[in-house]
Amino acid sequence: PINPTSKDVKDFWKFMQQKYGTTIIEKKNATEMKFVAEMLDLLGILDKQAFLNRYTTTLGTKIYVPHPIGSDLPGWDLCGQIIICAHEHVHVEQDRKAGGLVYEWAYVTNTAARTQYEVEAYRTGMELDWRYRRTMRTPKEIAASLKNYACTPADIKVAEKALALAIPVIKAGGLTTEVSKVAAAWLDARFK
């Protein structure tokens, strides 16, 4: 298993930012994120403090983080920050492939589409978690977190099944997304 330092995490994020043309913004300093937090709270989707303090959010090529990158805070272990970075960069690629507003509209308005996007991003995290820590959250646990994204019970069942079906490929060392492959190439060079 890898044991990244704060510098490793910062270097990985910097590499991914350069590769994908992303900008990192601290969520607590972003007026637009405070507005989104208020809206999610008013709509009963997600508590505004939870949104601001626990969730990394990607809009286009801007990634809003709830903590400074590379800080070893409770609930934000360093290896986990590498996995979150890859997860968020999957969303950047999804946005690019779908053409920006098409992705964003589908993500916001269609729970099935949102589920599909999150499954791909979570699968990327599962792949990296297994490759570098030989651990993996269960598909049931991951899918259950989609409740926080206002996904339906049917969406959550679909997500759980899709993630469960990916496990044999993951345990065989498979990397199924372009982001997984890019991240693994950097991490292998750094840690192996």
Protein backbone atom coordinates (compact mmCIF):
# COMPACT_ATOMS: atom_id res chain seq x y z
CA PRO A 1 0.00 0.00 0.00
CA ILE A 2 1.13 3.54 -0.69
CA ASN A 3 1.59 6.02 2.12
CA PRO A 4 1.55 9.44 0.47
CA THR A 5 2.89 12.56 2.13
CA SER A 6 1.26 15.96 1.94
CA LYS A 7 3.77 16.83 -0.81
CA ASP A 8 2.79 13.72 -2.81
CA VAL A 9 -0.88 14.75 -2.63
CA LYS A 10 -0.12 18.33 -3.67
CA ASP A 11 2.09 17.12 -6.53
CA PHE A 12 -0.60 14.70 -7.75
CA TRP A 13 -3.28 17.41 -7.74
CA LYS A 14 -0.90 19.77 -9.55
CA PHE A 15 -0.19 17.10 -12.17
CA MET A 16 -3.91 16.43 -12.70
CA GLN A 17 -4.64 20.16 -12.90
CA GLN A 18 -2.03 20.56 -15.62
CA LYS A 19 -3.20 17.46 -17.47
CA TYR A 20 -6.89 18.41 -17.44
CA GLY A 21 -6.68 22.21 -17.28
CA THR A 22 -8.50 22.44 -13.97
CA THR A 23 -8.49 25.12 -11.29
CA ILE A 24 -8.81 24.35 -7.58
CA ILE A 25 -10.85 26.74 -5.44
CA GLU A 26 -11.44 26.51 -1.69
CA LYS A 27 -15.18 26.12 -1.32
CA LYS A 28 -15.51 28.33 1.75
CA ASN A 29 -14.13 31.29 -0.26
CA ALA A 30 -16.43 30.83 -3.27
CA THR A 31 -19.57 32.96 -3.32
CA GLU A 32 -21.15 30.72 -5.96
CA MET A 33 -20.74 27.68 -3.68
CA LYS A 34 -22.42 29.50 -0.80
CA PHE A 35 -25.34 30.18 -3.14
CA VAL A 36 -25.47 26.52 -4.26
CA ALA A 37 -25.32 25.44 -0.59
CA GLU A 38 -28.31 27.66 0.24
CA MET A 39 -30.30 26.31 -2.72
CA LEU A 40 -29.56 22.66 -1.86
CA ASP A 41 -30.55 23.32 1.72
CA LEU A 42 -33.78 25.12 0.74
CA LEU A 43 -34.72 22.30 -1.64
CA GLY A 44 -34.13 19.76 1.13
CA ILE A 45 -31.47 17.95 -0.90
CA LEU A 46 -28.42 18.49 1.31
CA ASP A 47 -27.61 20.44 4.45
CA LYS A 48 -25.66 23.57 3.49
CA GLN A 49 -22.90 23.05 6.09
CA ALA A 50 -22.43 19.44 4.97
CA PHE A 51 -22.20 20.60 1.35
CA LEU A 52 -19.61 23.26 2.16
CA ASN A 53 -17.53 21.22 4.62
CA ARG A 54 -17.66 17.63 3.35
CA TYR A 55 -18.19 17.59 -0.42
CA THR A 56 -15.81 18.35 -3.24
CA THR A 57 -17.76 19.83 -6.17
CA THR A 58 -16.81 20.16 -9.83
CA LEU A 59 -18.32 22.65 -12.28
CA GLY A 60 -16.70 22.53 -15.70
CA THR A 61 -12.96 22.78 -15.04
CA LYS A 62 -13.33 24.33 -11.58
CA ILE A 63 -12.98 21.98 -8.63
CA TYR A 64 -14.20 23.36 -5.31
CA VAL A 65 -12.56 21.67 -2.32
CA PRO A 66 -13.74 21.86 1.30
CA HIS A 67 -10.19 21.79 2.70
CA PRO A 68 -6.68 22.79 1.63
CA ILE A 69 -5.14 20.13 -0.64
CA GLY A 70 -2.60 18.00 1.19
CA SER A 71 -3.86 18.78 4.69
CA ASP A 72 -4.19 15.68 6.83
CA LEU A 73 -7.57 16.35 8.41
CA PRO A 74 -9.98 13.85 10.01
CA GLY A 75 -12.08 12.29 7.26
CA TRP A 76 -9.70 13.54 4.55
CA ASP A 77 -6.76 11.16 4.72
CA LEU A 78 -4.00 11.80 2.22
CA CYS A 79 -4.60 8.72 0.08
CA GLY A 80 -8.28 9.56 0.04
CA GLN A 81 -7.45 13.01 -1.32
CA ILE A 82 -5.69 11.36 -4.26
CA ILE A 83 -8.78 9.25 -4.93
CA ILE A 84 -11.08 12.29 -4.67
CA CYS A 85 -8.85 14.11 -7.15
CA ALA A 86 -9.26 11.30 -9.67
CA HIS A 87 -13.02 11.11 -8.98
CA GLU A 88 -13.48 14.82 -9.67
CA HIS A 89 -11.37 14.68 -12.82
CA VAL A 90 -13.70 11.97 -14.14
CA HIS A 91 -16.46 14.58 -13.87
CA VAL A 92 -14.28 17.06 -15.78
CA GLU A 93 -13.91 14.50 -18.59
CA GLN A 94 -17.62 13.68 -18.54
CA ASP A 95 -18.39 17.38 -18.87
CA ARG A 96 -15.99 17.73 -21.81
CA LYS A 97 -17.29 14.66 -23.63
CA ALA A 98 -20.94 15.67 -23.26
CA GLY A 99 -20.31 19.29 -24.20
CA GLY A 100 -20.53 21.24 -20.97
CA LEU A 101 -24.08 22.44 -20.53
CA VAL A 102 -25.51 19.12 -21.77
CA TYR A 103 -23.67 17.30 -18.98
CA GLU A 104 -24.49 19.89 -16.36
CA TRP A 105 -28.20 19.97 -17.29
CA ALA A 106 -28.43 16.16 -17.27
CA TYR A 107 -26.57 15.95 -13.96
CA VAL A 108 -28.88 18.45 -12.27
CA THR A 109 -32.22 17.38 -13.78
CA ASN A 110 -31.97 13.61 -14.34
CA THR A 111 -31.26 11.32 -11.40
CA ALA A 112 -30.52 8.34 -13.69
CA ALA A 113 -27.90 10.37 -15.57
CA ARG A 114 -26.47 11.67 -12.29
CA THR A 115 -26.23 8.09 -11.04
CA GLN A 116 -24.43 6.97 -14.20
CA TYR A 117 -21.93 9.82 -13.90
CA GLU A 118 -21.28 9.09 -10.24
CA VAL A 119 -20.92 5.35 -10.82
CA GLU A 120 -18.12 5.98 -13.33
CA ALA A 121 -16.36 8.37 -10.93
CA TYR A 122 -16.80 6.04 -7.94
CA ARG A 123 -15.57 3.08 -10.00
CA THR A 124 -12.41 5.05 -10.76
CA GLY A 125 -11.94 5.54 -7.02
CA MET A 126 -12.53 1.85 -6.37
CA GLU A 127 -9.88 0.97 -8.97
CA LEU A 128 -7.27 3.24 -7.40
CA ASP A 129 -8.19 2.23 -3.86
CA TRP A 130 -7.73 -1.43 -4.73
CA ARG A 131 -4.54 -0.86 -6.74
CA TYR A 132 -2.80 1.19 -4.05
CA ARG A 133 -4.35 0.16 -0.73
CA ARG A 134 -5.86 -3.27 -1.46
CA THR A 135 -9.06 -2.03 0.13
CA MET A 136 -12.38 -1.10 -1.35
CA ARG A 137 -15.62 0.29 0.01
CA THR A 138 -18.53 -2.03 -0.68
CA PRO A 139 -20.80 -1.26 -3.63
CA LYS A 140 -23.70 -1.06 -1.16
CA GLU A 141 -21.90 1.58 0.93
CA ILE A 142 -20.89 3.62 -2.11
CA ALA A 143 -24.32 3.42 -3.73
CA ALA A 144 -26.01 4.42 -0.45
CA SER A 145 -24.06 7.69 -0.54
CA LEU A 146 -26.05 8.64 -3.65
CA LYS A 147 -28.96 9.45 -1.31
CA ASN A 148 -26.97 12.62 -0.61
CA TYR A 149 -27.19 13.41 -4.33
CA ALA A 150 -31.00 13.13 -4.32
CA CYS A 151 -30.90 9.90 -6.34
CA THR A 152 -33.92 7.62 -6.15
CA PRO A 153 -33.98 4.21 -4.46
CA ALA A 154 -34.09 2.63 -7.97
CA ASP A 155 -31.02 4.66 -9.00
CA ILE A 156 -29.20 3.48 -5.88
CA LYS A 157 -29.99 -0.17 -6.69
CA VAL A 158 -28.69 0.29 -10.24
CA ALA A 159 -25.51 1.93 -8.91
CA GLU A 160 -24.92 -0.89 -6.41
CA LYS A 161 -25.33 -3.53 -9.13
CA ALA A 162 -23.06 -1.69 -11.59
CA LEU A 163 -20.34 -1.25 -8.96
CA ALA A 164 -20.62 -4.89 -7.86
CA LEU A 165 -20.24 -6.04 -11.47
CA ALA A 166 -17.00 -4.03 -11.72
CA ILE A 167 -15.29 -5.80 -8.81
CA PRO A 168 -13.82 -8.77 -10.75
CA VAL A 169 -12.25 -6.41 -13.29
CA ILE A 170 -10.94 -4.15 -10.51
CA LYS A 171 -9.44 -7.07 -8.56
CA ALA A 172 -7.78 -8.28 -11.77
CA GLY A 173 -6.04 -4.88 -12.00
CA GLY A 174 -8.34 -3.36 -14.61
CA LEU A 175 -8.43 0.38 -15.13
CA THR A 176 -11.60 1.28 -16.99
CA THR A 177 -11.45 5.05 -17.35
CA GLU A 178 -8.96 7.36 -19.01
CA VAL A 179 -8.58 9.18 -15.68
CA SER A 180 -7.77 5.89 -13.88
CA LYS A 181 -5.05 5.18 -16.43
CA VAL A 182 -3.55 8.68 -16.22
CA ALA A 183 -3.65 8.65 -12.41
CA ALA A 184 -2.16 5.14 -12.17
CA ALA A 185 0.71 6.01 -14.53
CA TRP A 186 1.68 8.95 -12.30
CA LEU A 187 1.18 7.02 -9.05
CA ASP A 188 3.10 3.98 -10.33
CA ALA A 189 6.02 6.20 -11.32
CA ARG A 190 5.95 7.89 -7.92
CA PHE A 191 5.46 4.90 -5.63
CA LYS A 192 6.62 1.71 -7.39
